[in-house]
Amino acid sequence: MLEITEHNFSQISLSKIIDKVPDVLLQGAKLLQSKTSKECLLYVMNDIREDTHYFDLKKRLRDGKYTYKTEFATRQQLEKLSHI
């Protein structure tokens, strides 16, 4: 399993991708970028996997030429990523 720390990943603000980030994404999604490969990990709470804002975020990531992998997470897992 990949170890995610502030030494090997940095958090990308969703406001760089979406002008007005909806609350559902602010609280339910984190975008991390590898410091070595520039690939991204999109962590999304299971609760919003069917939300239209999530689909819009994925489309904007593709349009912005981001290479990313989606991981579904619990609220507790997302909270652990907040320090990055």
PDB file of N, CA and C in Angstrom:
ATOM      1  N   MET A   1       0.841  -1.192   0.000  1.00  0.00           N
ATOM      2  CA  MET A   1       0.000   0.000   0.000  1.00  0.00           C
ATOM      3  C   MET A   1       0.882   1.251   0.000  1.00  0.00           C
ATOM      4  N   LEU A   2       0.456   2.242  -0.699  1.00  0.00           N
ATOM      5  CA  LEU A   2       1.193   3.485  -0.840  1.00  0.00           C
ATOM      6  C   LEU A   2       1.119   4.306   0.442  1.00  0.00           C
ATOM      7  N   GLU A   3       2.275   4.740   0.908  1.00  0.00           N
ATOM      8  CA  GLU A   3       2.301   5.601   2.094  1.00  0.00           C
ATOM      9  C   GLU A   3       2.160   7.050   1.643  1.00  0.00           C
ATOM     10  N   ILE A   4       1.179   7.722   2.202  1.00  0.00           N
ATOM     11  CA  ILE A   4       0.916   9.108   1.834  1.00  0.00           C
ATOM     12  C   ILE A   4       1.334   9.997   2.989  1.00  0.00           C
ATOM     13  N   THR A   5       2.353  10.818   2.734  1.00  0.00           N
ATOM     14  CA  THR A   5       2.836  11.767   3.729  1.00  0.00           C
ATOM     15  C   THR A   5       3.061  13.109   3.049  1.00  0.00           C
ATOM     16  N   GLU A   6       3.318  14.124   3.859  1.00  0.00           N
ATOM     17  CA  GLU A   6       3.606  15.452   3.299  1.00  0.00           C
ATOM     18  C   GLU A   6       4.945  15.474   2.570  1.00  0.00           C
ATOM     19  N   HIS A   7       5.755  14.429   2.755  1.00  0.00           N
ATOM     20  CA  HIS A   7       7.054  14.358   2.083  1.00  0.00           C
ATOM     21  C   HIS A   7       6.944  13.865   0.645  1.00  0.00           C
ATOM     22  N   ASN A   8       5.916  13.061   0.356  1.00  0.00           N
ATOM     23  CA  ASN A   8       5.816  12.537  -1.003  1.00  0.00           C
ATOM     24  C   ASN A   8       4.556  12.986  -1.755  1.00  0.00           C
ATOM     25  N   PHE A   9       3.658  13.702  -1.081  1.00  0.00           N
ATOM     26  CA  PHE A   9       2.456  14.218  -1.730  1.00  0.00           C
ATOM     27  C   PHE A   9       2.168  15.632  -1.256  1.00  0.00           C
ATOM     28  N   SER A  10       1.530  16.399  -2.115  1.00  0.00           N
ATOM     29  CA  SER A  10       1.035  17.715  -1.715  1.00  0.00           C
ATOM     30  C   SER A  10      -0.433  17.803  -2.116  1.00  0.00           C
ATOM     31  N   GLN A  11      -1.174  18.588  -1.357  1.00  0.00           N
ATOM     32  CA  GLN A  11      -2.600  18.734  -1.635  1.00  0.00           C
ATOM     33  C   GLN A  11      -2.801  19.847  -2.648  1.00  0.00           C
ATOM     34  N   ILE A  12      -3.648  19.595  -3.629  1.00  0.00           N
ATOM     35  CA  ILE A  12      -4.003  20.603  -4.624  1.00  0.00           C
ATOM     36  C   ILE A  12      -5.364  21.166  -4.239  1.00  0.00           C
ATOM     37  N   SER A  13      -5.459  22.466  -4.173  1.00  0.00           N
ATOM     38  CA  SER A  13      -6.731  23.102  -3.852  1.00  0.00           C
ATOM     39  C   SER A  13      -7.721  22.858  -4.990  1.00  0.00           C
ATOM     40  N   LEU A  14      -8.913  22.423  -4.637  1.00  0.00           N
ATOM     41  CA  LEU A  14      -9.932  22.189  -5.656  1.00  0.00           C
ATOM     42  C   LEU A  14     -10.346  23.486  -6.344  1.00  0.00           C
ATOM     43  N   SER A  15     -10.077  24.623  -5.719  1.00  0.00           N
ATOM     44  CA  SER A  15     -10.420  25.910  -6.341  1.00  0.00           C
ATOM     45  C   SER A  15      -9.545  26.199  -7.562  1.00  0.00           C
ATOM     46  N   LYS A  16      -8.459  25.463  -7.743  1.00  0.00           N
ATOM     47  CA  LYS A  16      -7.659  25.593  -8.964  1.00  0.00           C
ATOM     48  C   LYS A  16      -8.355  24.930 -10.146  1.00  0.00           C
ATOM     49  N   ILE A  17      -9.316  24.057  -9.850  1.00  0.00           N
ATOM     50  CA  ILE A  17      -9.997  23.300 -10.886  1.00  0.00           C
ATOM     51  C   ILE A  17     -11.425  23.791 -11.085  1.00  0.00           C
ATOM     52  N   ILE A  18     -12.082  24.161  -9.985  1.00  0.00           N
ATOM     53  CA  ILE A  18     -13.465  24.643 -10.015  1.00  0.00           C
ATOM     54  C   ILE A  18     -13.491  26.009  -9.333  1.00  0.00           C
ATOM     55  N   ASP A  19     -14.061  26.993 -10.023  1.00  0.00           N
ATOM     56  CA  ASP A  19     -14.080  28.354  -9.474  1.00  0.00           C
ATOM     57  C   ASP A  19     -14.772  28.440  -8.120  1.00  0.00           C
ATOM     58  N   LYS A  20     -15.980  27.966  -8.039  1.00  0.00           N
ATOM     59  CA  LYS A  20     -16.733  27.989  -6.774  1.00  0.00           C
ATOM     60  C   LYS A  20     -16.946  26.546  -6.349  1.00  0.00           C
ATOM     61  N   VAL A  21     -16.106  26.082  -5.453  1.00  0.00           N
ATOM     62  CA  VAL A  21     -16.147  24.684  -5.029  1.00  0.00           C
ATOM     63  C   VAL A  21     -17.359  24.466  -4.123  1.00  0.00           C
ATOM     64  N   PRO A  22     -18.247  23.554  -4.502  1.00  0.00           N
ATOM     65  CA  PRO A  22     -19.411  23.275  -3.654  1.00  0.00           C
ATOM     66  C   PRO A  22     -18.996  22.651  -2.323  1.00  0.00           C
ATOM     67  N   ASP A  23     -19.791  22.893  -1.291  1.00  0.00           N
ATOM     68  CA  ASP A  23     -19.498  22.347   0.040  1.00  0.00           C
ATOM     69  C   ASP A  23     -19.338  20.835   0.027  1.00  0.00           C
ATOM     70  N   VAL A  24     -20.134  20.160  -0.792  1.00  0.00           N
ATOM     71  CA  VAL A  24     -20.060  18.700  -0.834  1.00  0.00           C
ATOM     72  C   VAL A  24     -18.658  18.235  -1.243  1.00  0.00           C
ATOM     73  N   LEU A  25     -17.989  18.979  -2.112  1.00  0.00           N
ATOM     74  CA  LEU A  25     -16.622  18.629  -2.510  1.00  0.00           C
ATOM     75  C   LEU A  25     -15.601  19.109  -1.486  1.00  0.00           C
ATOM     76  N   LEU A  26     -15.841  20.268  -0.898  1.00  0.00           N
ATOM     77  CA  LEU A  26     -14.919  20.758   0.130  1.00  0.00           C
ATOM     78  C   LEU A  26     -14.812  19.778   1.289  1.00  0.00           C
ATOM     79  N   GLN A  27     -15.937  19.172   1.635  1.00  0.00           N
ATOM     80  CA  GLN A  27     -15.953  18.258   2.768  1.00  0.00           C
ATOM     81  C   GLN A  27     -15.761  16.803   2.368  1.00  0.00           C
ATOM     82  N   GLY A  28     -15.949  16.490   1.086  1.00  0.00           N
ATOM     83  CA  GLY A  28     -15.940  15.088   0.695  1.00  0.00           C
ATOM     84  C   GLY A  28     -14.913  14.679  -0.330  1.00  0.00           C
ATOM     85  N   ALA A  29     -13.957  15.564  -0.660  1.00  0.00           N
ATOM     86  CA  ALA A  29     -12.954  15.200  -1.661  1.00  0.00           C
ATOM     87  C   ALA A  29     -11.621  15.878  -1.355  1.00  0.00           C
ATOM     88  N   LYS A  30     -10.547  15.169  -1.637  1.00  0.00           N
ATOM     89  CA  LYS A  30      -9.184  15.705  -1.510  1.00  0.00           C
ATOM     90  C   LYS A  30      -8.411  15.278  -2.753  1.00  0.00           C
ATOM     91  N   LEU A  31      -7.662  16.206  -3.322  1.00  0.00           N
ATOM     92  CA  LEU A  31      -6.828  15.905  -4.473  1.00  0.00           C
ATOM     93  C   LEU A  31      -5.374  16.046  -4.051  1.00  0.00           C
ATOM     94  N   LEU A  32      -4.643  14.954  -4.147  1.00  0.00           N
ATOM     95  CA  LEU A  32      -3.232  14.937  -3.774  1.00  0.00           C
ATOM     96  C   LEU A  32      -2.388  14.687  -5.009  1.00  0.00           C
ATOM     97  N   GLN A  33      -1.236  15.344  -5.072  1.00  0.00           N
ATOM     98  CA  GLN A  33      -0.332  15.166  -6.206  1.00  0.00           C
ATOM     99  C   GLN A  33       1.009  14.655  -5.716  1.00  0.00           C
ATOM    100  N   SER A  34       1.502  13.632  -6.397  1.00  0.00           N
ATOM    101  CA  SER A  34       2.804  13.075  -6.068  1.00  0.00           C
ATOM    102  C   SER A  34       3.879  14.111  -6.364  1.00  0.00           C
ATOM    103  N   LYS A  35       4.843  14.222  -5.482  1.00  0.00           N
ATOM    104  CA  LYS A  35       5.935  15.172  -5.696  1.00  0.00           C
ATOM    105  C   LYS A  35       6.972  14.637  -6.670  1.00  0.00           C
ATOM    106  N   THR A  36       6.916  13.347  -6.976  1.00  0.00           N
ATOM    107  CA  THR A  36       7.902  12.769  -7.892  1.00  0.00           C
ATOM    108  C   THR A  36       7.350  12.530  -9.289  1.00  0.00           C
ATOM    109  N   SER A  37       6.126  12.043  -9.392  1.00  0.00           N
ATOM    110  CA  SER A  37       5.603  11.689 -10.715  1.00  0.00           C
ATOM    111  C   SER A  37       4.572  12.675 -11.249  1.00  0.00           C
ATOM    112  N   LYS A  38       4.071  13.545 -10.418  1.00  0.00           N
ATOM    113  CA  LYS A  38       3.035  14.528 -10.755  1.00  0.00           C
ATOM    114  C   LYS A  38       1.676  13.895 -11.036  1.00  0.00           C
ATOM    115  N   GLU A  39       1.555  12.589 -10.813  1.00  0.00           N
ATOM    116  CA  GLU A  39       0.245  11.961 -10.899  1.00  0.00           C
ATOM    117  C   GLU A  39      -0.544  12.307  -9.643  1.00  0.00           C
ATOM    118  N   CYS A  40      -1.858  12.275  -9.777  1.00  0.00           N
ATOM    119  CA  CYS A  40      -2.723  12.678  -8.668  1.00  0.00           C
ATOM    120  C   CYS A  40      -3.549  11.512  -8.142  1.00  0.00           C
ATOM    121  N   LEU A  41      -3.918  11.642  -6.890  1.00  0.00           N
ATOM    122  CA  LEU A  41      -4.868  10.737  -6.250  1.00  0.00           C
ATOM    123  C   LEU A  41      -6.058  11.582  -5.818  1.00  0.00           C
ATOM    124  N   LEU A  42      -7.227  11.205  -6.269  1.00  0.00           N
ATOM    125  CA  LEU A  42      -8.454  11.891  -5.883  1.00  0.00           C
ATOM    126  C   LEU A  42      -9.158  11.020  -4.859  1.00  0.00           C
ATOM    127  N   TYR A  43      -9.191  11.490  -3.626  1.00  0.00           N
ATOM    128  CA  TYR A  43      -9.875  10.771  -2.553  1.00  0.00           C
ATOM    129  C   TYR A  43     -11.268  11.353  -2.413  1.00  0.00           C
ATOM    130  N   VAL A  44     -12.266  10.477  -2.483  1.00  0.00           N
ATOM    131  CA  VAL A  44     -13.660  10.898  -2.462  1.00  0.00           C
ATOM    132  C   VAL A  44     -14.422  10.061  -1.444  1.00  0.00           C
ATOM    133  N   MET A  45     -15.234  10.727  -0.641  1.00  0.00           N
ATOM    134  CA  MET A  45     -16.072   9.992   0.308  1.00  0.00           C
ATOM    135  C   MET A  45     -17.084   9.143  -0.450  1.00  0.00           C
ATOM    136  N   ASN A  46     -17.321   7.958   0.070  1.00  0.00           N
ATOM    137  CA  ASN A  46     -18.296   7.051  -0.535  1.00  0.00           C
ATOM    138  C   ASN A  46     -19.654   7.719  -0.716  1.00  0.00           C
ATOM    139  N   ASP A  47     -20.006   8.614   0.203  1.00  0.00           N
ATOM    140  CA  ASP A  47     -21.319   9.269   0.193  1.00  0.00           C
ATOM    141  C   ASP A  47     -21.568  10.102  -1.062  1.00  0.00           C
ATOM    142  N   ILE A  48     -20.520  10.594  -1.710  1.00  0.00           N
ATOM    143  CA  ILE A  48     -20.732  11.496  -2.850  1.00  0.00           C
ATOM    144  C   ILE A  48     -20.378  10.859  -4.191  1.00  0.00           C
ATOM    145  N   ARG A  49     -20.158   9.573  -4.217  1.00  0.00           N
ATOM    146  CA  ARG A  49     -19.738   8.921  -5.460  1.00  0.00           C
ATOM    147  C   ARG A  49     -20.788   9.011  -6.562  1.00  0.00           C
ATOM    148  N   GLU A  50     -22.033   9.300  -6.249  1.00  0.00           N
ATOM    149  CA  GLU A  50     -23.094   9.457  -7.251  1.00  0.00           C
ATOM    150  C   GLU A  50     -23.522  10.920  -7.413  1.00  0.00           C
ATOM    151  N   ASP A  51     -22.854  11.834  -6.742  1.00  0.00           N
ATOM    152  CA  ASP A  51     -23.213  13.248  -6.769  1.00  0.00           C
ATOM    153  C   ASP A  51     -22.761  13.894  -8.083  1.00  0.00           C
ATOM    154  N   THR A  52     -23.582  14.784  -8.617  1.00  0.00           N
ATOM    155  CA  THR A  52     -23.237  15.439  -9.881  1.00  0.00           C
ATOM    156  C   THR A  52     -21.992  16.317  -9.749  1.00  0.00           C
ATOM    157  N   HIS A  53     -21.748  16.875  -8.575  1.00  0.00           N
ATOM    158  CA  HIS A  53     -20.546  17.695  -8.375  1.00  0.00           C
ATOM    159  C   HIS A  53     -19.281  16.843  -8.521  1.00  0.00           C
ATOM    160  N   TYR A  54     -19.346  15.613  -8.071  1.00  0.00           N
ATOM    161  CA  TYR A  54     -18.211  14.691  -8.215  1.00  0.00           C
ATOM    162  C   TYR A  54     -17.949  14.413  -9.695  1.00  0.00           C
ATOM    163  N   PHE A  55     -19.005  14.171 -10.465  1.00  0.00           N
ATOM    164  CA  PHE A  55     -18.831  13.915 -11.893  1.00  0.00           C
ATOM    165  C   PHE A  55     -18.285  15.147 -12.606  1.00  0.00           C
ATOM    166  N   ASP A  56     -18.730  16.328 -12.191  1.00  0.00           N
ATOM    167  CA  ASP A  56     -18.208  17.567 -12.767  1.00  0.00           C
ATOM    168  C   ASP A  56     -16.721  17.726 -12.450  1.00  0.00           C
ATOM    169  N   LEU A  57     -16.323  17.413 -11.232  1.00  0.00           N
ATOM    170  CA  LEU A  57     -14.912  17.488 -10.853  1.00  0.00           C
ATOM    171  C   LEU A  57     -14.079  16.544 -11.711  1.00  0.00           C
ATOM    172  N   LYS A  58     -14.546  15.317 -11.898  1.00  0.00           N
ATOM    173  CA  LYS A  58     -13.805  14.362 -12.730  1.00  0.00           C
ATOM    174  C   LYS A  58     -13.653  14.878 -14.160  1.00  0.00           C
ATOM    175  N   LYS A  59     -14.712  15.464 -14.706  1.00  0.00           N
ATOM    176  CA  LYS A  59     -14.648  16.004 -16.066  1.00  0.00           C
ATOM    177  C   LYS A  59     -13.636  17.139 -16.147  1.00  0.00           C
ATOM    178  N   ARG A  60     -13.656  18.018 -15.176  1.00  0.00           N
ATOM    179  CA  ARG A  60     -12.717  19.145 -15.180  1.00  0.00           C
ATOM    180  C   ARG A  60     -11.269  18.678 -15.009  1.00  0.00           C
ATOM    181  N   LEU A  61     -11.068  17.640 -14.233  1.00  0.00           N
ATOM    182  CA  LEU A  61      -9.718  17.084 -14.098  1.00  0.00           C
ATOM    183  C   LEU A  61      -9.230  16.542 -15.436  1.00  0.00           C
ATOM    184  N   ARG A  62     -10.097  15.823 -16.125  1.00  0.00           N
ATOM    185  CA  ARG A  62      -9.719  15.294 -17.447  1.00  0.00           C
ATOM    186  C   ARG A  62      -9.452  16.435 -18.423  1.00  0.00           C
ATOM    187  N   ASP A  63     -10.337  17.440 -18.426  1.00  0.00           N
ATOM    188  CA  ASP A  63     -10.173  18.582 -19.331  1.00  0.00           C
ATOM    189  C   ASP A  63      -8.902  19.361 -19.027  1.00  0.00           C
ATOM    190  N   GLY A  64      -8.501  19.375 -17.757  1.00  0.00           N
ATOM    191  CA  GLY A  64      -7.288  20.074 -17.343  1.00  0.00           C
ATOM    192  C   GLY A  64      -6.037  19.229 -17.499  1.00  0.00           C
ATOM    193  N   LYS A  65      -6.202  18.060 -18.096  1.00  0.00           N
ATOM    194  CA  LYS A  65      -5.079  17.154 -18.389  1.00  0.00           C
ATOM    195  C   LYS A  65      -4.404  16.606 -17.137  1.00  0.00           C
ATOM    196  N   TYR A  66      -5.173  16.460 -16.072  1.00  0.00           N
ATOM    197  CA  TYR A  66      -4.634  15.825 -14.869  1.00  0.00           C
ATOM    198  C   TYR A  66      -4.678  14.316 -15.046  1.00  0.00           C
ATOM    199  N   THR A  67      -3.609  13.647 -14.664  1.00  0.00           N
ATOM    200  CA  THR A  67      -3.594  12.192 -14.597  1.00  0.00           C
ATOM    201  C   THR A  67      -3.897  11.835 -13.155  1.00  0.00           C
ATOM    202  N   TYR A  68      -4.983  11.115 -12.949  1.00  0.00           N
ATOM    203  CA  TYR A  68      -5.379  10.846 -11.572  1.00  0.00           C
ATOM    204  C   TYR A  68      -6.004   9.462 -11.437  1.00  0.00           C
ATOM    205  N   LYS A  69      -5.990   8.992 -10.218  1.00  0.00           N
ATOM    206  CA  LYS A  69      -6.629   7.739  -9.843  1.00  0.00           C
ATOM    207  C   LYS A  69      -7.591   8.073  -8.712  1.00  0.00           C
ATOM    208  N   THR A  70      -8.789   7.515  -8.756  1.00  0.00           N
ATOM    209  CA  THR A  70      -9.782   7.773  -7.719  1.00  0.00           C
ATOM    210  C   THR A  70      -9.747   6.684  -6.660  1.00  0.00           C
ATOM    211  N   GLU A  71      -9.772   7.116  -5.418  1.00  0.00           N
ATOM    212  CA  GLU A  71      -9.858   6.212  -4.268  1.00  0.00           C
ATOM    213  C   GLU A  71     -11.065   6.651  -3.446  1.00  0.00           C
ATOM    214  N   PHE A  72     -11.934   5.712  -3.113  1.00  0.00           N
ATOM    215  CA  PHE A  72     -13.076   6.032  -2.262  1.00  0.00           C
ATOM    216  C   PHE A  72     -12.677   5.829  -0.815  1.00  0.00           C
ATOM    217  N   ALA A  73     -13.118   6.746   0.026  1.00  0.00           N
ATOM    218  CA  ALA A  73     -12.646   6.779   1.414  1.00  0.00           C
ATOM    219  C   ALA A  73     -13.789   7.097   2.370  1.00  0.00           C
ATOM    220  N   THR A  74     -13.516   6.860   3.627  1.00  0.00           N
ATOM    221  CA  THR A  74     -14.447   7.242   4.687  1.00  0.00           C
ATOM    222  C   THR A  74     -14.105   8.661   5.147  1.00  0.00           C
ATOM    223  N   ARG A  75     -14.972   9.244   5.924  1.00  0.00           N
ATOM    224  CA  ARG A  75     -14.713  10.587   6.465  1.00  0.00           C
ATOM    225  C   ARG A  75     -13.431  10.589   7.309  1.00  0.00           C
ATOM    226  N   GLN A  76     -13.232   9.531   8.089  1.00  0.00           N
ATOM    227  CA  GLN A  76     -12.039   9.439   8.936  1.00  0.00           C
ATOM    228  C   GLN A  76     -10.763   9.384   8.087  1.00  0.00           C
ATOM    229  N   GLN A  77     -10.806   8.660   6.983  1.00  0.00           N
ATOM    230  CA  GLN A  77      -9.636   8.593   6.109  1.00  0.00           C
ATOM    231  C   GLN A  77      -9.342   9.956   5.491  1.00  0.00           C
ATOM    232  N   LEU A  78     -10.388  10.679   5.100  1.00  0.00           N
ATOM    233  CA  LEU A  78     -10.185  12.020   4.541  1.00  0.00           C
ATOM    234  C   LEU A  78      -9.612  12.971   5.581  1.00  0.00           C
ATOM    235  N   GLU A  79     -10.071  12.861   6.803  1.00  0.00           N
ATOM    236  CA  GLU A  79      -9.555  13.725   7.869  1.00  0.00           C
ATOM    237  C   GLU A  79      -8.067  13.500   8.081  1.00  0.00           C
ATOM    238  N   LYS A  80      -7.614  12.272   7.952  1.00  0.00           N
ATOM    239  CA  LYS A  80      -6.187  11.976   8.103  1.00  0.00           C
ATOM    240  C   LYS A  80      -5.359  12.626   6.998  1.00  0.00           C
ATOM    241  N   LEU A  81      -5.969  12.849   5.834  1.00  0.00           N
ATOM    242  CA  LEU A  81      -5.255  13.466   4.714  1.00  0.00           C
ATOM    243  C   LEU A  81      -5.219  14.989   4.817  1.00  0.00           C
ATOM    244  N   SER A  82      -5.976  15.556   5.719  1.00  0.00           N
ATOM    245  CA  SER A  82      -6.075  17.015   5.825  1.00  0.00           C
ATOM    246  C   SER A  82      -4.765  17.686   6.207  1.00  0.00           C
ATOM    247  N   HIS A  83      -3.865  16.971   6.839  1.00  0.00           N
ATOM    248  CA  HIS A  83      -2.593  17.575   7.269  1.00  0.00           C
ATOM    249  C   HIS A  83      -1.595  17.712   6.119  1.00  0.00           C
ATOM    250  N   ILE A  84      -1.883  17.109   4.997  1.00  0.00           N
ATOM    251  CA  ILE A  84      -0.940  17.152   3.860  1.00  0.00           C
ATOM    252  C   ILE A  84      -1.100  18.449   3.109  1.00  0.00           C
TER     253      ILE A  84
END
